[in-house]
Amino acid sequence: MVVVNRASEWTHGRGPSSMISLLQVFRGLAALLVVYHHANKEVVELFGQNRLRSLFDLGDAGVQFFFVLSGFIIYYVHRSDIGRPARAREFLLKRIIRVYPIYVLVTLALTPFWAFVPGFGNWYHKELSSFVYSILLLPQSHVPNLGVAWTLTHEMLFYLLFTVVVLNLGIGRALFLGWFALIAVAALLLPSEPAFPFSYLLSVNNLLFGMGILAAVIVTRRGDDHRGGLHLVALGAAAFMIVGVAGNLLVEAGAASDRFFRAQIILLGLASFLVVLQSGSASVEAVFRRRHLLNAIGAGSFSIYLIHQPVISLFRKVVELVGWQLALGEHLFFVLAMVVSVSAGMVMYYLLERPMLRYLSHRYIHSRRSGSSVVVASTAS
């Protein structure tokens, strides 16, 4: 999931500065939840299920948190662009530069393994159409070739609709409200997921962007620098954990249904909403002020998100090849899988993603502000 570190765009006093730190921490925690999920899947396949660890496997919940966080940041950072058509091109270009270059590189690097190496990839990895759709992040009836990128297809849809808001507030607001209303009606009335493409367009996950936008609207109106909030973060975190664990118990008992999963996503979104709503809280900031590792992981969370699953899979294959699984045991294997995959993501962030973002932003996004106007330089084709 993509949430951008954009310190230069937060320009409203102390509150936004503390938000940057807190949002980085939140991103880091959510990224670790997703890594936990995929590391645990490999452990289950290799050693069998550890019930306690699987009970607290909240990786999918980490994705829901990212959706809420994305809606919050996009509105909060770009609220001054709303209804200003001259800024639409720059907004969309920033989103493309943020998502596509590093994603395309990772997908291209893995494609030969999916296509030609036995034991890697599924049937759709061999199809040219799937490759093209995946590279472009166009929705398909199955996940993209890089499986975790299914979330990015939803992100790109959200970005496109937000571009309409930038172009015309009235039309964009009507589109968003109509979209959210259709999703809510489908979630309430349909007994099961509709067929593609409606399963994509009407996914309840898309509602979480709206929750993030609502949180940003509230924060904007009340001001960022408030002293309360720690108790609401604790409440949101507790609700997040309870909903996730209860969901795992119901799935284990065979009592889950499509309606249940939709309800769980909404409840996880509401819990995430409570946490994100406190992004400018001084009391929450004080708790995380010295959490430098989490801030670093948050900064590199997109690289970690993109690469952790293939790295964990490769780590497992290497362990099996050299016959170390019994020597390591399931617990040490799990810890090492997380450490190796997070470390690989951080290396990719510092050596590839961050320099690439800086170069592309400098090369293609040149703006100068004069009063309230923004002049965007033309970009190379």
Protein backbone atom coordinates (compact mmCIF):
# COMPACT_ATOMS: atom_id res chain seq x y z
CA MET A 1 0.00 0.00 0.00
CA VAL A 2 1.25 3.49 -0.85
CA VAL A 3 1.40 6.31 1.66
CA VAL A 4 3.93 8.96 0.77
CA ASN A 5 6.53 10.62 2.96
CA ARG A 6 6.13 14.23 1.90
CA ALA A 7 7.58 16.44 4.65
CA SER A 8 7.90 19.45 2.40
CA GLU A 9 4.16 19.50 1.75
CA TRP A 10 3.11 19.74 5.40
CA THR A 11 3.29 23.44 6.04
CA HIS A 12 0.90 24.31 8.84
CA GLY A 13 2.86 24.67 12.08
CA ARG A 14 3.80 22.09 14.68
CA GLY A 15 0.85 19.78 14.11
CA PRO A 16 1.84 18.59 10.63
CA SER A 17 5.44 18.06 11.75
CA SER A 18 4.28 15.69 14.48
CA MET A 19 1.92 14.06 12.00
CA ILE A 20 4.80 13.16 9.70
CA SER A 21 6.51 11.31 12.53
CA LEU A 22 3.33 9.59 13.68
CA LEU A 23 2.22 8.60 10.19
CA GLN A 24 5.64 7.12 9.55
CA VAL A 25 5.31 5.08 12.75
CA PHE A 26 1.81 3.95 11.75
CA ARG A 27 3.05 2.96 8.30
CA GLY A 28 5.91 1.01 9.85
CA LEU A 29 3.58 -0.91 12.16
CA ALA A 30 1.16 -1.69 9.33
CA ALA A 31 4.02 -2.88 7.12
CA LEU A 32 5.24 -5.21 9.87
CA LEU A 33 1.74 -6.69 10.17
CA VAL A 34 1.74 -7.52 6.46
CA VAL A 35 5.24 -9.06 6.66
CA TYR A 36 4.13 -11.07 9.72
CA HIS A 37 1.21 -12.44 7.68
CA HIS A 38 3.31 -13.72 4.79
CA ALA A 39 6.12 -15.01 7.02
CA ASN A 40 3.55 -16.95 9.02
CA LYS A 41 2.09 -18.44 5.80
CA GLU A 42 5.52 -19.83 4.90
CA VAL A 43 5.96 -21.22 8.41
CA VAL A 44 2.56 -22.95 8.22
CA GLU A 45 3.48 -24.55 4.88
CA LEU A 46 6.91 -25.62 6.10
CA PHE A 47 6.28 -26.63 9.72
CA GLY A 48 2.51 -26.73 10.19
CA GLN A 49 0.30 -24.25 11.98
CA ASN A 50 1.23 -22.67 15.30
CA ARG A 51 -2.19 -21.75 16.66
CA LEU A 52 -1.07 -18.86 18.86
CA ARG A 53 0.96 -17.17 16.14
CA SER A 54 -1.80 -17.69 13.57
CA LEU A 55 -4.36 -16.27 16.00
CA PHE A 56 -2.50 -12.95 16.00
CA ASP A 57 -1.86 -12.96 12.25
CA LEU A 58 -3.41 -9.60 11.36
CA GLY A 59 -1.65 -9.05 8.05
CA ASP A 60 -4.82 -8.41 6.07
CA ALA A 61 -5.83 -5.89 8.73
CA GLY A 62 -2.60 -4.03 8.04
CA VAL A 63 -3.80 -3.54 4.47
CA GLN A 64 -7.07 -2.04 5.70
CA PHE A 65 -5.12 0.39 7.86
CA PHE A 66 -3.10 1.44 4.83
CA PHE A 67 -6.28 2.25 2.88
CA VAL A 68 -7.56 4.54 5.64
CA LEU A 69 -4.14 6.17 5.98
CA SER A 70 -3.97 6.75 2.23
CA GLY A 71 -7.34 8.51 2.14
CA PHE A 72 -6.24 10.70 5.06
CA ILE A 73 -2.95 11.79 3.55
CA ILE A 74 -4.20 12.41 0.01
CA TYR A 75 -6.95 14.72 1.25
CA TYR A 76 -4.86 16.43 3.93
CA VAL A 77 -1.88 17.14 1.69
CA HIS A 78 -3.87 18.09 -1.42
CA ARG A 79 -6.89 19.83 0.06
CA SER A 80 -5.62 23.16 -1.28
CA ASP A 81 -5.60 21.65 -4.80
CA ILE A 82 -9.32 20.78 -4.71
CA GLY A 83 -11.32 22.64 -7.34
CA ARG A 84 -8.17 24.02 -9.02
CA PRO A 85 -7.88 22.36 -12.45
CA ALA A 86 -4.40 23.76 -13.07
CA ARG A 87 -3.08 21.47 -10.33
CA ALA A 88 -4.65 18.23 -11.60
CA ARG A 89 -1.78 17.37 -13.91
CA GLU A 90 0.82 17.81 -11.18
CA PHE A 91 -1.25 15.81 -8.69
CA LEU A 92 -1.64 12.85 -11.02
CA LEU A 93 1.98 12.98 -12.14
CA LYS A 94 3.15 12.85 -8.52
CA ARG A 95 0.99 9.81 -7.88
CA ILE A 96 2.31 8.04 -10.98
CA ILE A 97 5.93 8.79 -10.08
CA ARG A 98 5.36 7.61 -6.53
CA VAL A 99 3.83 4.27 -7.49
CA TYR A 100 4.89 3.04 -10.91
CA PRO A 101 8.69 3.25 -11.30
CA ILE A 102 9.73 1.10 -8.34
CA TYR A 103 6.71 -1.18 -8.79
CA VAL A 104 7.50 -1.77 -12.48
CA LEU A 105 11.16 -2.49 -11.70
CA VAL A 106 10.23 -5.09 -9.07
CA THR A 107 7.69 -6.72 -11.41
CA LEU A 108 10.17 -6.84 -14.30
CA ALA A 109 12.88 -8.30 -12.07
CA LEU A 110 10.59 -11.12 -10.94
CA THR A 111 8.97 -11.87 -14.31
CA PRO A 112 11.69 -14.26 -15.58
CA PHE A 113 11.32 -16.35 -12.40
CA TRP A 114 7.54 -16.51 -12.73
CA ALA A 115 7.72 -17.32 -16.42
CA PHE A 116 10.58 -19.81 -16.62
CA VAL A 117 11.61 -21.19 -13.21
CA PRO A 118 9.66 -24.28 -12.03
CA GLY A 119 7.96 -23.78 -8.69
CA PHE A 120 7.55 -20.03 -9.17
CA GLY A 121 4.34 -18.42 -10.30
CA ASN A 122 0.81 -19.49 -11.21
CA TRP A 123 -0.87 -20.07 -14.55
CA TYR A 124 -1.57 -16.38 -15.12
CA HIS A 125 2.13 -15.55 -14.75
CA LYS A 126 2.64 -17.24 -18.12
CA GLU A 127 0.03 -15.08 -19.88
CA LEU A 128 1.09 -11.95 -21.78
CA SER A 129 -2.23 -10.22 -21.10
CA SER A 130 -1.79 -10.70 -17.37
CA PHE A 131 1.71 -9.24 -17.57
CA VAL A 132 0.48 -6.14 -19.44
CA TYR A 133 -2.46 -5.57 -17.11
CA SER A 134 -0.22 -6.08 -14.10
CA ILE A 135 2.43 -3.63 -15.28
CA LEU A 136 -0.24 -0.99 -15.88
CA LEU A 137 -2.02 -1.80 -12.59
CA LEU A 138 -5.27 -2.40 -14.41
CA PRO A 139 -7.80 -4.55 -12.52
CA GLN A 140 -8.16 -8.22 -13.44
CA SER A 141 -10.32 -11.09 -12.26
CA HIS A 142 -7.27 -12.39 -10.39
CA VAL A 143 -4.52 -10.61 -8.46
CA PRO A 144 -1.69 -8.94 -10.42
CA ASN A 145 1.47 -10.90 -11.11
CA LEU A 146 2.99 -9.26 -8.03
CA GLY A 147 0.24 -10.41 -5.71
CA VAL A 148 0.38 -7.62 -3.13
CA ALA A 149 -0.20 -5.08 -5.92
CA TRP A 150 -3.95 -5.79 -5.83
CA THR A 151 -4.11 -2.94 -3.32
CA LEU A 152 -2.40 -0.62 -5.79
CA THR A 153 -5.16 -1.17 -8.35
CA HIS A 154 -7.57 0.23 -5.77
CA GLU A 155 -5.17 3.08 -4.99
CA MET A 156 -4.98 4.09 -8.65
CA LEU A 157 -8.78 4.14 -8.91
CA PHE A 158 -8.91 6.37 -5.82
CA TYR A 159 -6.25 8.68 -7.30
CA LEU A 160 -8.17 8.98 -10.57
CA LEU A 161 -11.37 9.92 -8.77
CA PHE A 162 -9.53 12.40 -6.57
CA THR A 163 -8.15 13.96 -9.76
CA VAL A 164 -11.76 14.67 -10.73
CA VAL A 165 -12.20 16.44 -7.37
CA VAL A 166 -9.16 18.58 -8.18
CA LEU A 167 -10.61 19.37 -11.61
CA ASN A 168 -14.13 20.11 -10.37
CA LEU A 169 -15.22 19.92 -6.73
CA GLY A 170 -18.92 19.51 -7.44
CA ILE A 171 -18.58 16.69 -9.96
CA GLY A 172 -15.84 14.96 -7.94
CA ARG A 173 -17.79 15.11 -4.70
CA ALA A 174 -20.87 13.68 -6.43
CA LEU A 175 -18.77 10.85 -7.89
CA PHE A 176 -17.27 9.98 -4.51
CA LEU A 177 -20.59 10.12 -2.65
CA GLY A 178 -22.31 8.06 -5.34
CA TRP A 179 -19.48 5.52 -5.36
CA PHE A 180 -19.48 5.14 -1.59
CA ALA A 181 -23.28 4.84 -1.54
CA LEU A 182 -23.25 2.07 -4.16
CA ILE A 183 -20.57 0.19 -2.19
CA ALA A 184 -22.59 0.48 1.02
CA VAL A 185 -25.77 -0.77 -0.67
CA ALA A 186 -23.92 -3.69 -2.26
CA ALA A 187 -22.29 -4.59 1.06
CA LEU A 188 -25.66 -4.60 2.82
CA LEU A 189 -27.78 -6.36 0.19
CA LEU A 190 -25.57 -8.80 -1.69
CA PRO A 191 -25.16 -12.19 0.00
CA SER A 192 -21.85 -12.83 -1.76
CA GLU A 193 -19.22 -10.96 -3.73
CA PRO A 194 -20.42 -9.87 -7.20
CA ALA A 195 -18.59 -11.00 -10.31
CA PHE A 196 -15.64 -9.06 -11.69
CA PRO A 197 -15.40 -6.10 -12.41
CA PHE A 198 -18.03 -5.22 -9.80
CA SER A 199 -16.06 -7.12 -7.16
CA TYR A 200 -13.34 -4.52 -7.77
CA LEU A 201 -15.42 -1.40 -8.25
CA LEU A 202 -17.75 -2.15 -5.32
CA SER A 203 -15.19 -3.67 -2.98
CA VAL A 204 -15.86 -2.59 0.58
CA ASN A 205 -12.14 -1.83 0.84
CA ASN A 206 -12.83 1.28 -1.25
CA LEU A 207 -14.98 2.68 1.57
CA LEU A 208 -11.86 2.92 3.72
CA PHE A 209 -10.52 5.74 1.55
CA GLY A 210 -13.64 7.66 2.55
CA MET A 211 -12.96 7.00 6.23
CA GLY A 212 -9.48 8.43 5.79
CA ILE A 213 -10.85 11.50 4.02
CA LEU A 214 -13.38 12.03 6.83
CA ALA A 215 -10.59 11.82 9.43
CA ALA A 216 -8.59 14.41 7.49
CA VAL A 217 -11.60 16.74 7.27
CA ILE A 218 -12.09 16.51 11.04
CA VAL A 219 -8.41 17.12 11.76
CA THR A 220 -8.38 20.08 9.37
CA ARG A 221 -11.35 21.73 11.06
CA ARG A 222 -10.30 21.20 14.66
CA GLY A 223 -6.60 21.96 14.10
CA ASP A 224 -3.67 19.56 14.26
CA ASP A 225 -1.96 20.53 17.49
CA HIS A 226 -4.20 19.07 20.17
CA ARG A 227 -3.14 17.48 23.43
CA GLY A 228 -5.58 14.64 23.76
CA GLY A 229 -5.82 11.47 21.76
CA LEU A 230 -3.76 8.81 23.47
CA HIS A 231 -6.84 7.14 24.93
CA LEU A 232 -8.52 7.05 21.49
CA VAL A 233 -5.42 5.55 19.91
CA ALA A 234 -5.44 2.87 22.63
CA LEU A 235 -9.16 2.26 22.00
CA GLY A 236 -8.64 2.05 18.24
CA ALA A 237 -5.64 -0.28 18.61
CA ALA A 238 -7.55 -2.52 21.02
CA ALA A 239 -10.57 -2.65 18.69
CA PHE A 240 -8.26 -3.39 15.77
CA MET A 241 -6.70 -6.32 17.64
CA ILE A 242 -10.04 -7.67 18.91
CA VAL A 243 -11.68 -7.56 15.48
CA GLY A 244 -8.68 -9.23 13.86
CA VAL A 245 -8.35 -12.00 16.44
CA ALA A 246 -12.12 -12.61 16.55
CA GLY A 247 -12.11 -12.88 12.78
CA ASN A 248 -9.32 -15.46 12.88
CA LEU A 249 -11.27 -17.49 15.43
CA LEU A 250 -14.41 -17.44 13.28
CA VAL A 251 -12.46 -18.43 10.16
CA GLU A 252 -10.85 -21.27 12.10
CA ALA A 253 -14.30 -22.41 13.25
CA GLY A 254 -15.62 -22.31 9.66
CA ALA A 255 -18.22 -19.68 10.56
CA ALA A 256 -16.99 -16.94 8.19
CA SER A 257 -18.98 -15.79 5.16
CA ASP A 258 -18.74 -13.03 2.56
CA ARG A 259 -20.98 -10.84 4.73
CA PHE A 260 -18.71 -11.49 7.69
CA PHE A 261 -15.58 -10.48 5.77
CA ARG A 262 -17.25 -7.28 4.58
CA ALA A 263 -18.30 -6.45 8.13
CA GLN A 264 -14.80 -7.20 9.40
CA ILE A 265 -13.23 -4.85 6.85
CA ILE A 266 -15.60 -2.04 7.89
CA LEU A 267 -14.87 -2.60 11.60
CA LEU A 268 -11.13 -2.65 10.95
CA GLY A 269 -11.54 0.56 8.98
CA LEU A 270 -13.39 2.21 11.87
CA ALA A 271 -10.68 1.12 14.32
CA SER A 272 -8.04 2.51 11.94
CA PHE A 273 -10.08 5.72 11.65
CA LEU A 274 -9.82 6.25 15.42
CA VAL A 275 -6.05 5.84 15.30
CA VAL A 276 -5.45 8.03 12.23
CA LEU A 277 -7.72 10.71 13.68
CA GLN A 278 -5.11 11.28 16.42
CA SER A 279 -2.24 11.87 13.99
CA GLY A 280 -1.66 15.39 15.31
CA SER A 281 -1.90 14.50 19.00
CA ALA A 282 1.02 15.73 21.09
CA SER A 283 0.42 13.01 23.68
CA VAL A 284 0.58 10.28 21.04
CA GLU A 285 3.63 11.87 19.46
CA ALA A 286 5.39 11.83 22.84
CA VAL A 287 4.98 8.06 23.08
CA PHE A 288 6.62 7.45 19.70
CA ARG A 289 9.10 10.33 19.61
CA ARG A 290 12.20 8.16 19.95
CA ARG A 291 11.02 5.19 17.87
CA HIS A 292 13.62 5.75 15.15
CA LEU A 293 13.52 2.18 13.83
CA LEU A 294 9.75 2.33 13.29
CA ASN A 295 10.15 5.68 11.55
CA ALA A 296 12.78 4.17 9.26
CA ILE A 297 10.60 1.14 8.51
CA GLY A 298 7.70 3.50 7.83
CA ALA A 299 9.79 5.48 5.35
CA GLY A 300 10.72 2.29 3.52
CA SER A 301 7.32 0.66 3.86
CA PHE A 302 6.46 0.74 0.15
CA SER A 303 9.68 -1.06 -0.81
CA ILE A 304 9.12 -3.51 2.05
CA TYR A 305 5.54 -4.07 0.91
CA LEU A 306 6.54 -4.73 -2.69
CA ILE A 307 9.44 -7.07 -2.10
CA HIS A 308 8.88 -8.86 1.20
CA GLN A 309 6.78 -11.75 -0.15
CA PRO A 310 9.20 -12.91 -2.88
CA VAL A 311 12.12 -12.46 -0.46
CA ILE A 312 10.40 -14.64 2.16
CA SER A 313 9.60 -17.24 -0.51
CA LEU A 314 13.23 -17.23 -1.69
CA PHE A 315 14.47 -17.47 1.90
CA ARG A 316 12.32 -20.54 2.45
CA LYS A 317 13.59 -22.20 -0.74
CA VAL A 318 17.20 -21.57 0.29
CA VAL A 319 16.57 -23.00 3.77
CA GLU A 320 14.97 -26.09 2.24
CA LEU A 321 17.75 -26.46 -0.33
CA VAL A 322 20.51 -26.52 2.30
CA GLY A 323 18.38 -28.53 4.74
CA TRP A 324 18.40 -26.01 7.59
CA GLN A 325 14.70 -26.11 8.44
CA LEU A 326 15.09 -28.60 11.30
CA ALA A 327 18.14 -26.81 12.69
CA LEU A 328 16.37 -23.46 12.65
CA GLY A 329 12.99 -24.63 13.85
CA GLU A 330 9.75 -22.78 13.17
CA HIS A 331 10.25 -19.89 15.61
CA LEU A 332 13.74 -18.90 14.49
CA PHE A 333 12.75 -19.40 10.84
CA PHE A 334 9.81 -17.04 11.37
CA VAL A 335 11.97 -14.35 12.99
CA LEU A 336 14.69 -14.64 10.35
CA ALA A 337 12.15 -14.51 7.53
CA MET A 338 10.80 -11.24 8.90
CA VAL A 339 14.25 -9.76 9.50
CA VAL A 340 15.58 -10.76 6.08
CA SER A 341 12.54 -9.46 4.18
CA VAL A 342 12.34 -6.15 6.06
CA SER A 343 16.08 -5.64 5.66
CA ALA A 344 15.86 -6.35 1.91
CA GLY A 345 13.05 -3.80 1.62
CA MET A 346 15.06 -1.18 3.50
CA VAL A 347 18.09 -1.76 1.30
CA MET A 348 15.92 -1.36 -1.80
CA TYR A 349 14.43 1.84 -0.37
CA TYR A 350 17.77 3.51 0.38
CA LEU A 351 19.64 2.31 -2.70
CA LEU A 352 16.87 2.42 -5.32
CA GLU A 353 13.47 3.83 -4.37
CA ARG A 354 14.54 7.02 -2.59
CA PRO A 355 17.17 8.09 -5.16
CA MET A 356 14.75 7.29 -7.97
CA LEU A 357 11.97 9.35 -6.39
CA ARG A 358 14.29 12.29 -5.87
CA TYR A 359 15.55 12.19 -9.45
CA LEU A 360 12.12 11.78 -11.06
CA SER A 361 10.54 14.45 -8.87
CA HIS A 362 13.32 16.88 -9.72
CA ARG A 363 13.23 15.94 -13.39
CA TYR A 364 9.51 15.93 -14.04
CA ILE A 365 7.84 18.00 -11.34
CA HIS A 366 9.02 21.61 -11.34
CA SER A 367 6.67 24.09 -9.72
CA ARG A 368 7.09 27.62 -8.50
CA ARG A 369 4.56 29.37 -6.32
CA SER A 370 3.63 32.99 -6.70
CA GLY A 371 0.95 33.93 -4.23
CA SER A 372 -1.80 31.32 -4.62
CA SER A 373 -0.90 30.35 -8.18
CA VAL A 374 1.09 27.29 -9.18
CA VAL A 375 2.93 27.06 -12.48
CA VAL A 376 3.88 23.53 -13.48
CA ALA A 377 6.70 23.20 -15.96
CA SER A 378 6.20 21.00 -18.97
CA THR A 379 7.55 17.50 -18.69
CA ALA A 380 9.49 15.45 -21.15
CA SER A 381 7.60 12.77 -23.03
